[in-house]
PDB file of N, CA and C in Angstrom:
ATOM      1  N   MET A   1     -66.381  27.085  27.656  1.00  0.00           N
ATOM      2  CA  MET A   1     -66.713  26.295  28.883  1.00  0.00           C
ATOM      3  C   MET A   1     -67.636  25.312  28.330  1.00  0.00           C
ATOM      4  N   GLU A   2     -67.436  23.901  28.675  1.00  0.00           N
ATOM      5  CA  GLU A   2     -68.311  22.680  28.244  1.00  0.00           C
ATOM      6  C   GLU A   2     -69.666  23.230  28.782  1.00  0.00           C
ATOM      7  N   LYS A   3     -70.588  22.548  28.182  1.00  0.00           N
ATOM      8  CA  LYS A   3     -72.127  22.804  28.516  1.00  0.00           C
ATOM      9  C   LYS A   3     -72.204  22.303  29.890  1.00  0.00           C
ATOM     10  N   LYS A   4     -71.834  20.711  30.046  1.00  0.00           N
ATOM     11  CA  LYS A   4     -72.165  20.147  31.228  1.00  0.00           C
ATOM     12  C   LYS A   4     -71.369  20.894  32.252  1.00  0.00           C
ATOM     13  N   LYS A   5     -70.300  21.434  32.077  1.00  0.00           N
ATOM     14  CA  LYS A   5     -69.545  21.889  33.320  1.00  0.00           C
ATOM     15  C   LYS A   5     -70.106  23.378  33.670  1.00  0.00           C
ATOM     16  N   LEU A   6     -70.624  24.086  32.578  1.00  0.00           N
ATOM     17  CA  LEU A   6     -71.557  25.202  32.679  1.00  0.00           C
ATOM     18  C   LEU A   6     -72.815  24.856  33.421  1.00  0.00           C
ATOM     19  N   ARG A   7     -73.523  24.024  33.184  1.00  0.00           N
ATOM     20  CA  ARG A   7     -74.633  23.771  33.891  1.00  0.00           C
ATOM     21  C   ARG A   7     -74.477  23.340  35.320  1.00  0.00           C
ATOM     22  N   TYR A   8     -73.465  22.667  35.402  1.00  0.00           N
ATOM     23  CA  TYR A   8     -73.001  22.340  36.877  1.00  0.00           C
ATOM     24  C   TYR A   8     -72.869  23.465  37.697  1.00  0.00           C
ATOM     25  N   ALA A   9     -71.977  24.388  37.281  1.00  0.00           N
ATOM     26  CA  ALA A   9     -71.453  25.665  37.734  1.00  0.00           C
ATOM     27  C   ALA A   9     -72.702  26.666  38.091  1.00  0.00           C
ATOM     28  N   ILE A  10     -73.775  26.711  37.209  1.00  0.00           N
ATOM     29  CA  ILE A  10     -74.844  27.409  37.458  1.00  0.00           C
ATOM     30  C   ILE A  10     -75.556  26.849  38.476  1.00  0.00           C
ATOM     31  N   LEU A  11     -75.746  25.653  38.503  1.00  0.00           N
ATOM     32  CA  LEU A  11     -76.672  24.771  39.614  1.00  0.00           C
ATOM     33  C   LEU A  11     -75.850  25.050  40.976  1.00  0.00           C
ATOM     34  N   LYS A  12     -74.555  24.966  41.129  1.00  0.00           N
ATOM     35  CA  LYS A  12     -73.899  24.861  42.198  1.00  0.00           C
ATOM     36  C   LYS A  12     -73.789  26.534  42.756  1.00  0.00           C
ATOM     37  N   THR A  13     -73.779  27.583  41.941  1.00  0.00           N
ATOM     38  CA  THR A  13     -73.793  28.818  42.186  1.00  0.00           C
ATOM     39  C   THR A  13     -75.061  29.144  42.816  1.00  0.00           C
ATOM     40  N   LEU A  14     -76.431  28.627  42.154  1.00  0.00           N
ATOM     41  CA  LEU A  14     -77.384  28.773  42.928  1.00  0.00           C
ATOM     42  C   LEU A  14     -77.563  27.962  43.999  1.00  0.00           C
ATOM     43  N   ASP A  15     -77.123  26.667  44.253  1.00  0.00           N
ATOM     44  CA  ASP A  15     -77.231  26.280  45.568  1.00  0.00           C
ATOM     45  C   ASP A  15     -76.499  26.897  46.768  1.00  0.00           C
ATOM     46  N   GLU A  16     -75.596  27.672  46.491  1.00  0.00           N
ATOM     47  CA  GLU A  16     -74.811  28.681  47.166  1.00  0.00           C
ATOM     48  C   GLU A  16     -75.518  29.907  47.542  1.00  0.00           C
ATOM     49  N   ASP A  17     -76.679  29.954  46.906  1.00  0.00           N
ATOM     50  CA  ASP A  17     -77.338  31.475  46.947  1.00  0.00           C
ATOM     51  C   ASP A  17     -76.639  32.573  45.997  1.00  0.00           C
ATOM     52  N   GLY A  18     -75.809  32.405  45.034  1.00  0.00           N
ATOM     53  CA  GLY A  18     -75.203  33.282  44.290  1.00  0.00           C
ATOM     54  C   GLY A  18     -75.873  33.538  42.955  1.00  0.00           C
ATOM     55  N   ASP A  19     -75.453  34.435  42.269  1.00  0.00           N
ATOM     56  CA  ASP A  19     -76.002  34.905  40.722  1.00  0.00           C
ATOM     57  C   ASP A  19     -75.168  34.403  39.678  1.00  0.00           C
ATOM     58  N   PRO A  20     -75.578  33.401  38.957  1.00  0.00           N
ATOM     59  CA  PRO A  20     -74.561  33.106  38.068  1.00  0.00           C
ATOM     60  C   PRO A  20     -74.079  34.240  37.067  1.00  0.00           C
ATOM     61  N   PHE A  21     -74.675  35.004  36.749  1.00  0.00           N
ATOM     62  CA  PHE A  21     -74.235  36.138  35.998  1.00  0.00           C
ATOM     63  C   PHE A  21     -73.084  36.751  36.654  1.00  0.00           C
ATOM     64  N   ASN A  22     -73.229  36.996  37.756  1.00  0.00           N
ATOM     65  CA  ASN A  22     -72.125  37.686  38.595  1.00  0.00           C
ATOM     66  C   ASN A  22     -70.879  36.876  38.874  1.00  0.00           C
ATOM     67  N   GLU A  23     -71.307  35.716  39.150  1.00  0.00           N
ATOM     68  CA  GLU A  23     -69.987  34.880  39.246  1.00  0.00           C
ATOM     69  C   GLU A  23     -69.349  33.961  38.390  1.00  0.00           C
ATOM     70  N   LEU A  24     -70.152  33.875  37.356  1.00  0.00           N
ATOM     71  CA  LEU A  24     -69.377  32.916  36.225  1.00  0.00           C
ATOM     72  C   LEU A  24     -69.025  33.590  35.091  1.00  0.00           C
ATOM     73  N   GLN A  25     -69.510  34.824  34.646  1.00  0.00           N
ATOM     74  CA  GLN A  25     -69.268  35.578  33.593  1.00  0.00           C
ATOM     75  C   GLN A  25     -67.817  36.104  33.303  1.00  0.00           C
ATOM     76  N   ASN A  26     -67.191  35.647  32.276  1.00  0.00           N
ATOM     77  CA  ASN A  26     -65.819  36.174  32.071  1.00  0.00           C
ATOM     78  C   ASN A  26     -65.352  36.133  30.490  1.00  0.00           C
ATOM     79  N   GLU A  27     -64.156  36.170  30.375  1.00  0.00           N
ATOM     80  CA  GLU A  27     -63.717  36.000  29.021  1.00  0.00           C
ATOM     81  C   GLU A  27     -64.237  34.588  28.192  1.00  0.00           C
ATOM     82  N   GLU A  28     -64.063  33.621  29.181  1.00  0.00           N
ATOM     83  CA  GLU A  28     -64.547  32.416  28.584  1.00  0.00           C
ATOM     84  C   GLU A  28     -65.844  31.988  28.575  1.00  0.00           C
ATOM     85  N   VAL A  29     -66.614  32.458  29.470  1.00  0.00           N
ATOM     86  CA  VAL A  29     -68.139  32.408  29.533  1.00  0.00           C
ATOM     87  C   VAL A  29     -68.908  33.408  29.374  1.00  0.00           C
ATOM     88  N   SER A  30     -69.524  33.591  28.428  1.00  0.00           N
ATOM     89  CA  SER A  30     -70.539  34.950  28.057  1.00  0.00           C
ATOM     90  C   SER A  30     -71.895  34.789  28.572  1.00  0.00           C
ATOM     91  N   GLU A  31     -72.433  35.884  28.847  1.00  0.00           N
ATOM     92  CA  GLU A  31     -73.685  35.956  29.409  1.00  0.00           C
ATOM     93  C   GLU A  31     -74.654  35.223  28.689  1.00  0.00           C
ATOM     94  N   MET A  32     -74.562  35.418  27.493  1.00  0.00           N
ATOM     95  CA  MET A  32     -75.486  34.492  26.452  1.00  0.00           C
ATOM     96  C   MET A  32     -75.362  33.112  26.763  1.00  0.00           C
ATOM     97  N   ASP A  33     -74.055  32.537  26.905  1.00  0.00           N
ATOM     98  CA  ASP A  33     -73.741  31.195  27.297  1.00  0.00           C
ATOM     99  C   ASP A  33     -74.552  30.939  28.757  1.00  0.00           C
ATOM    100  N   ILE A  34     -74.566  31.762  29.460  1.00  0.00           N
ATOM    101  CA  ILE A  34     -75.235  31.517  30.837  1.00  0.00           C
ATOM    102  C   ILE A  34     -76.532  31.504  30.803  1.00  0.00           C
ATOM    103  N   LEU A  35     -77.225  32.356  30.153  1.00  0.00           N
ATOM    104  CA  LEU A  35     -78.574  32.423  29.723  1.00  0.00           C
ATOM    105  C   LEU A  35     -78.986  31.409  28.966  1.00  0.00           C
ATOM    106  N   GLU A  36     -78.325  30.768  28.011  1.00  0.00           N
ATOM    107  CA  GLU A  36     -78.869  29.633  27.311  1.00  0.00           C
ATOM    108  C   GLU A  36     -79.005  28.507  28.286  1.00  0.00           C
ATOM    109  N   GLN A  37     -77.970  28.232  29.149  1.00  0.00           N
ATOM    110  CA  GLN A  37     -77.948  26.761  29.959  1.00  0.00           C
ATOM    111  C   GLN A  37     -78.926  27.287  31.024  1.00  0.00           C
ATOM    112  N   GLY A  38     -79.017  28.549  31.581  1.00  0.00           N
ATOM    113  CA  GLY A  38     -80.078  28.742  32.448  1.00  0.00           C
ATOM    114  C   GLY A  38     -81.462  28.337  31.996  1.00  0.00           C
ATOM    115  N   ARG A  39     -81.928  28.757  30.704  1.00  0.00           N
ATOM    116  CA  ARG A  39     -83.185  28.525  30.238  1.00  0.00           C
ATOM    117  C   ARG A  39     -83.173  26.792  29.787  1.00  0.00           C
ATOM    118  N   PHE A  40     -82.118  26.134  29.285  1.00  0.00           N
ATOM    119  CA  PHE A  40     -82.144  24.879  29.400  1.00  0.00           C
ATOM    120  C   PHE A  40     -82.558  24.132  30.622  1.00  0.00           C
ATOM    121  N   LEU A  41     -81.840  24.548  31.853  1.00  0.00           N
ATOM    122  CA  LEU A  41     -81.962  24.063  33.025  1.00  0.00           C
ATOM    123  C   LEU A  41     -83.368  24.170  33.569  1.00  0.00           C
ATOM    124  N   SER A  42     -83.906  25.298  33.324  1.00  0.00           N
ATOM    125  CA  SER A  42     -85.170  25.541  33.596  1.00  0.00           C
ATOM    126  C   SER A  42     -86.128  24.679  33.082  1.00  0.00           C
ATOM    127  N   ARG A  43     -86.164  24.626  31.537  1.00  0.00           N
ATOM    128  CA  ARG A  43     -87.054  23.855  30.915  1.00  0.00           C
ATOM    129  C   ARG A  43     -87.029  22.248  31.115  1.00  0.00           C
ATOM    130  N   GLU A  44     -85.745  21.960  31.536  1.00  0.00           N
ATOM    131  CA  GLU A  44     -85.522  20.276  32.236  1.00  0.00           C
ATOM    132  C   GLU A  44     -85.883  20.275  33.542  1.00  0.00           C
ATOM    133  N   ASP A  45     -86.367  21.190  34.263  1.00  0.00           N
ATOM    134  CA  ASP A  45     -87.054  21.209  35.618  1.00  0.00           C
ATOM    135  C   ASP A  45     -85.736  20.840  36.769  1.00  0.00           C
ATOM    136  N   TYR A  46     -84.845  21.336  36.315  1.00  0.00           N
ATOM    137  CA  TYR A  46     -83.544  21.424  37.561  1.00  0.00           C
ATOM    138  C   TYR A  46     -83.513  22.825  38.263  1.00  0.00           C
ATOM    139  N   ILE A  47     -84.129  23.787  37.506  1.00  0.00           N
ATOM    140  CA  ILE A  47     -84.332  25.178  38.390  1.00  0.00           C
ATOM    141  C   ILE A  47     -85.887  25.377  38.112  1.00  0.00           C
ATOM    142  N   VAL A  48     -86.568  25.871  39.050  1.00  0.00           N
ATOM    143  CA  VAL A  48     -87.848  26.513  39.039  1.00  0.00           C
ATOM    144  C   VAL A  48     -87.779  28.029  39.824  1.00  0.00           C
ATOM    145  N   GLY A  49     -88.575  28.842  38.984  1.00  0.00           N
ATOM    146  CA  GLY A  49     -88.884  30.090  39.480  1.00  0.00           C
ATOM    147  C   GLY A  49     -87.963  31.397  38.727  1.00  0.00           C
ATOM    148  N   ASN A  50     -87.279  31.139  37.785  1.00  0.00           N
ATOM    149  CA  ASN A  50     -86.676  32.104  37.170  1.00  0.00           C
ATOM    150  C   ASN A  50     -87.485  33.129  36.891  1.00  0.00           C
ATOM    151  N   LYS A  51     -87.378  34.419  36.870  1.00  0.00           N
ATOM    152  CA  LYS A  51     -87.956  35.358  36.415  1.00  0.00           C
ATOM    153  C   LYS A  51     -87.439  36.062  34.945  1.00  0.00           C
ATOM    154  N   TYR A  52     -88.235  36.040  33.889  1.00  0.00           N
ATOM    155  CA  TYR A  52     -87.677  36.686  32.718  1.00  0.00           C
ATOM    156  C   TYR A  52     -88.405  38.187  32.409  1.00  0.00           C
ATOM    157  N   ALA A  53     -87.365  38.993  31.588  1.00  0.00           N
ATOM    158  CA  ALA A  53     -87.700  40.174  30.849  1.00  0.00           C
ATOM    159  C   ALA A  53     -86.902  40.258  29.765  1.00  0.00           C
ATOM    160  N   ASP A  54     -87.556  40.474  28.791  1.00  0.00           N
ATOM    161  CA  ASP A  54     -86.978  40.598  27.246  1.00  0.00           C
ATOM    162  C   ASP A  54     -86.049  39.478  26.921  1.00  0.00           C
ATOM    163  N   ASN A  55     -86.418  38.168  27.418  1.00  0.00           N
ATOM    164  CA  ASN A  55     -85.875  37.096  27.259  1.00  0.00           C
ATOM    165  C   ASN A  55     -84.752  36.845  27.901  1.00  0.00           C
ATOM    166  N   THR A  56     -84.475  37.642  29.181  1.00  0.00           N
ATOM    167  CA  THR A  56     -83.289  37.509  29.653  1.00  0.00           C
ATOM    168  C   THR A  56     -83.707  37.076  31.278  1.00  0.00           C
ATOM    169  N   ILE A  57     -82.886  36.287  32.043  1.00  0.00           N
ATOM    170  CA  ILE A  57     -83.158  36.117  33.338  1.00  0.00           C
ATOM    171  C   ILE A  57     -82.703  37.037  34.159  1.00  0.00           C
ATOM    172  N   PHE A  58     -83.776  38.134  34.900  1.00  0.00           N
ATOM    173  CA  PHE A  58     -83.215  38.931  35.866  1.00  0.00           C
ATOM    174  C   PHE A  58     -83.483  38.482  36.937  1.00  0.00           C
ATOM    175  N   MET A  59     -83.845  37.326  37.578  1.00  0.00           N
ATOM    176  CA  MET A  59     -84.189  36.788  38.823  1.00  0.00           C
ATOM    177  C   MET A  59     -84.064  35.349  38.652  1.00  0.00           C
ATOM    178  N   TRP A  60     -83.051  34.782  39.334  1.00  0.00           N
ATOM    179  CA  TRP A  60     -82.692  33.229  39.132  1.00  0.00           C
ATOM    180  C   TRP A  60     -83.642  32.557  40.322  1.00  0.00           C
ATOM    181  N   GLY A  61     -84.245  31.599  39.935  1.00  0.00           N
ATOM    182  CA  GLY A  61     -85.069  30.602  40.964  1.00  0.00           C
ATOM    183  C   GLY A  61     -84.233  29.801  41.979  1.00  0.00           C
ATOM    184  N   HIS A  62     -84.588  28.801  41.973  1.00  0.00           N
ATOM    185  CA  HIS A  62     -84.068  27.782  42.964  1.00  0.00           C
ATOM    186  C   HIS A  62     -83.947  26.363  42.425  1.00  0.00           C
ATOM    187  N   LEU A  63     -83.289  25.470  42.964  1.00  0.00           N
ATOM    188  CA  LEU A  63     -83.249  24.094  42.392  1.00  0.00           C
ATOM    189  C   LEU A  63     -84.104  23.218  42.773  1.00  0.00           C
ATOM    190  N   THR A  64     -84.400  22.300  42.022  1.00  0.00           N
ATOM    191  CA  THR A  64     -85.692  21.498  42.284  1.00  0.00           C
ATOM    192  C   THR A  64     -84.839  20.144  43.032  1.00  0.00           C
ATOM    193  N   GLU A  65     -85.559  19.398  43.404  1.00  0.00           N
ATOM    194  CA  GLU A  65     -85.029  17.981  43.858  1.00  0.00           C
ATOM    195  C   GLU A  65     -84.117  17.380  42.663  1.00  0.00           C
ATOM    196  N   LYS A  66     -84.670  17.532  41.473  1.00  0.00           N
ATOM    197  CA  LYS A  66     -83.838  17.103  40.289  1.00  0.00           C
ATOM    198  C   LYS A  66     -82.331  17.811  40.355  1.00  0.00           C
ATOM    199  N   GLY A  67     -82.379  18.751  40.460  1.00  0.00           N
ATOM    200  CA  GLY A  67     -81.269  19.744  40.277  1.00  0.00           C
ATOM    201  C   GLY A  67     -80.284  19.457  41.415  1.00  0.00           C
ATOM    202  N   GLU A  68     -80.866  19.076  42.647  1.00  0.00           N
ATOM    203  CA  GLU A  68     -79.971  18.936  43.698  1.00  0.00           C
ATOM    204  C   GLU A  68     -79.424  17.477  43.558  1.00  0.00           C
ATOM    205  N   ASP A  69     -80.234  16.617  42.657  1.00  0.00           N
ATOM    206  CA  ASP A  69     -79.788  15.225  42.520  1.00  0.00           C
ATOM    207  C   ASP A  69     -78.515  15.305  41.318  1.00  0.00           C
ATOM    208  N   TYR A  70     -78.691  16.184  40.526  1.00  0.00           N
ATOM    209  CA  TYR A  70     -77.812  16.571  39.422  1.00  0.00           C
ATOM    210  C   TYR A  70     -76.392  16.861  40.148  1.00  0.00           C
ATOM    211  N   LEU A  71     -76.340  17.621  41.152  1.00  0.00           N
ATOM    212  CA  LEU A  71     -75.117  18.042  41.759  1.00  0.00           C
ATOM    213  C   LEU A  71     -74.420  16.838  42.441  1.00  0.00           C
ATOM    214  N   GLU A  72     -75.181  16.005  43.015  1.00  0.00           N
ATOM    215  CA  GLU A  72     -74.912  14.925  43.769  1.00  0.00           C
ATOM    216  C   GLU A  72     -74.149  14.147  42.690  1.00  0.00           C
ATOM    217  N   GLU A  73     -74.764  13.690  41.810  1.00  0.00           N
ATOM    218  CA  GLU A  73     -74.615  12.880  40.851  1.00  0.00           C
ATOM    219  C   GLU A  73     -73.233  13.168  40.028  1.00  0.00           C
ATOM    220  N   ASN A  74     -73.202  14.584  39.784  1.00  0.00           N
ATOM    221  CA  ASN A  74     -71.969  14.839  38.841  1.00  0.00           C
ATOM    222  C   ASN A  74     -70.964  15.443  40.016  1.00  0.00           C
ATOM    223  N   SER A  75     -70.522  15.135  40.980  1.00  0.00           N
ATOM    224  CA  SER A  75     -69.382  15.522  41.889  1.00  0.00           C
ATOM    225  C   SER A  75     -68.094  15.510  41.486  1.00  0.00           C
ATOM    226  N   LYS A  76     -67.826  14.891  40.268  1.00  0.00           N
ATOM    227  CA  LYS A  76     -66.553  14.959  39.675  1.00  0.00           C
ATOM    228  C   LYS A  76     -66.194  16.361  39.401  1.00  0.00           C
ATOM    229  N   PHE A  77     -67.517  17.069  39.017  1.00  0.00           N
ATOM    230  CA  PHE A  77     -67.286  18.409  38.320  1.00  0.00           C
ATOM    231  C   PHE A  77     -66.953  19.381  39.840  1.00  0.00           C
ATOM    232  N   ALA A  78     -67.210  18.914  40.857  1.00  0.00           N
ATOM    233  CA  ALA A  78     -67.247  19.692  42.217  1.00  0.00           C
ATOM    234  C   ALA A  78     -65.661  20.209  42.417  1.00  0.00           C
ATOM    235  N   LYS A  79     -64.879  19.218  42.196  1.00  0.00           N
ATOM    236  CA  LYS A  79     -63.305  19.762  42.401  1.00  0.00           C
ATOM    237  C   LYS A  79     -62.845  20.699  41.557  1.00  0.00           C
ATOM    238  N   ALA A  80     -63.220  20.306  40.198  1.00  0.00           N
ATOM    239  CA  ALA A  80     -62.764  21.613  39.157  1.00  0.00           C
ATOM    240  C   ALA A  80     -63.736  22.722  39.274  1.00  0.00           C
ATOM    241  N   TYR A  81     -64.868  22.746  40.095  1.00  0.00           N
ATOM    242  CA  TYR A  81     -65.485  24.231  40.244  1.00  0.00           C
ATOM    243  C   TYR A  81     -64.956  24.635  41.332  1.00  0.00           C
ATOM    244  N   SER A  82     -64.504  24.074  42.318  1.00  0.00           N
ATOM    245  CA  SER A  82     -64.069  24.770  43.555  1.00  0.00           C
ATOM    246  C   SER A  82     -62.530  25.166  42.919  1.00  0.00           C
ATOM    247  N   VAL A  83     -61.680  24.593  42.253  1.00  0.00           N
ATOM    248  CA  VAL A  83     -60.518  24.953  42.043  1.00  0.00           C
ATOM    249  C   VAL A  83     -60.538  26.035  41.043  1.00  0.00           C
ATOM    250  N   ALA A  84     -61.573  26.260  40.071  1.00  0.00           N
ATOM    251  CA  ALA A  84     -61.703  27.420  39.163  1.00  0.00           C
ATOM    252  C   ALA A  84     -62.134  28.666  40.122  1.00  0.00           C
ATOM    253  N   LYS A  85     -63.119  28.179  41.048  1.00  0.00           N
ATOM    254  CA  LYS A  85     -63.402  29.547  41.894  1.00  0.00           C
ATOM    255  C   LYS A  85     -62.375  30.054  42.732  1.00  0.00           C
ATOM    256  N   GLU A  86     -61.431  29.045  43.337  1.00  0.00           N
ATOM    257  CA  GLU A  86     -60.334  29.749  44.018  1.00  0.00           C
ATOM    258  C   GLU A  86     -59.256  30.523  43.031  1.00  0.00           C
ATOM    259  N   ILE A  87     -59.129  30.114  41.921  1.00  0.00           N
ATOM    260  CA  ILE A  87     -58.110  30.617  41.030  1.00  0.00           C
ATOM    261  C   ILE A  87     -58.893  31.964  40.633  1.00  0.00           C
ATOM    262  N   ARG A  88     -60.185  32.384  40.272  1.00  0.00           N
ATOM    263  CA  ARG A  88     -60.719  33.514  39.956  1.00  0.00           C
ATOM    264  C   ARG A  88     -60.763  34.326  41.065  1.00  0.00           C
ATOM    265  N   ASP A  89     -60.809  33.977  42.381  1.00  0.00           N
ATOM    266  CA  ASP A  89     -60.770  34.694  43.645  1.00  0.00           C
ATOM    267  C   ASP A  89     -59.207  35.356  43.784  1.00  0.00           C
ATOM    268  N   TRP A  90     -58.376  34.547  43.265  1.00  0.00           N
ATOM    269  CA  TRP A  90     -56.813  34.974  43.544  1.00  0.00           C
ATOM    270  C   TRP A  90     -56.427  35.971  42.371  1.00  0.00           C
ATOM    271  N   ILE A  91     -56.993  35.843  41.257  1.00  0.00           N
ATOM    272  CA  ILE A  91     -56.499  36.572  39.866  1.00  0.00           C
ATOM    273  C   ILE A  91     -56.734  38.026  40.415  1.00  0.00           C
ATOM    274  N   PRO A  92     -57.527  38.797  41.133  1.00  0.00           N
ATOM    275  CA  PRO A  92     -57.404  40.075  41.484  1.00  0.00           C
ATOM    276  C   PRO A  92     -56.210  40.284  42.252  1.00  0.00           C
ATOM    277  N   PHE A  93     -55.798  39.616  43.288  1.00  0.00           N
ATOM    278  CA  PHE A  93     -54.649  39.689  44.073  1.00  0.00           C
ATOM    279  C   PHE A  93     -53.239  39.868  43.300  1.00  0.00           C
ATOM    280  N   PHE A  94     -53.023  39.093  42.242  1.00  0.00           N
ATOM    281  CA  PHE A  94     -52.070  39.155  41.294  1.00  0.00           C
ATOM    282  C   PHE A  94     -52.108  40.047  40.312  1.00  0.00           C
ATOM    283  N   THR A  95     -53.187  40.811  39.885  1.00  0.00           N
ATOM    284  CA  THR A  95     -53.369  41.543  38.887  1.00  0.00           C
ATOM    285  C   THR A  95     -53.510  43.179  39.332  1.00  0.00           C
ATOM    286  N   GLY A  96     -53.785  43.103  40.737  1.00  0.00           N
ATOM    287  CA  GLY A  96     -53.934  44.323  41.417  1.00  0.00           C
ATOM    288  C   GLY A  96     -55.451  44.952  40.968  1.00  0.00           C
ATOM    289  N   LYS A  97     -56.168  44.198  40.406  1.00  0.00           N
ATOM    290  CA  LYS A  97     -57.683  44.849  40.055  1.00  0.00           C
ATOM    291  C   LYS A  97     -58.585  44.221  41.080  1.00  0.00           C
TER     292      LYS A  97
END
């Protein structure tokens, strides 16, 4: 997944009180990719309050005003994010998993 789309998805997931590791990790997006972008978002002040252990985020923080602005400014990703989330929710229905 493209970095900007993954960053948007992480912020959107946190905005909806979700856990990016649980909701975004799949064959296309590894835990390492999520962790790397989570660190970036924290360094750049889009997220505050992440808790780390062994260089891994074990508890996600919350969005800053800058993070909220990013979501608003990048609303073009919103449609792609909602479609991808809907598809992911339907996959277990079709695969029986």
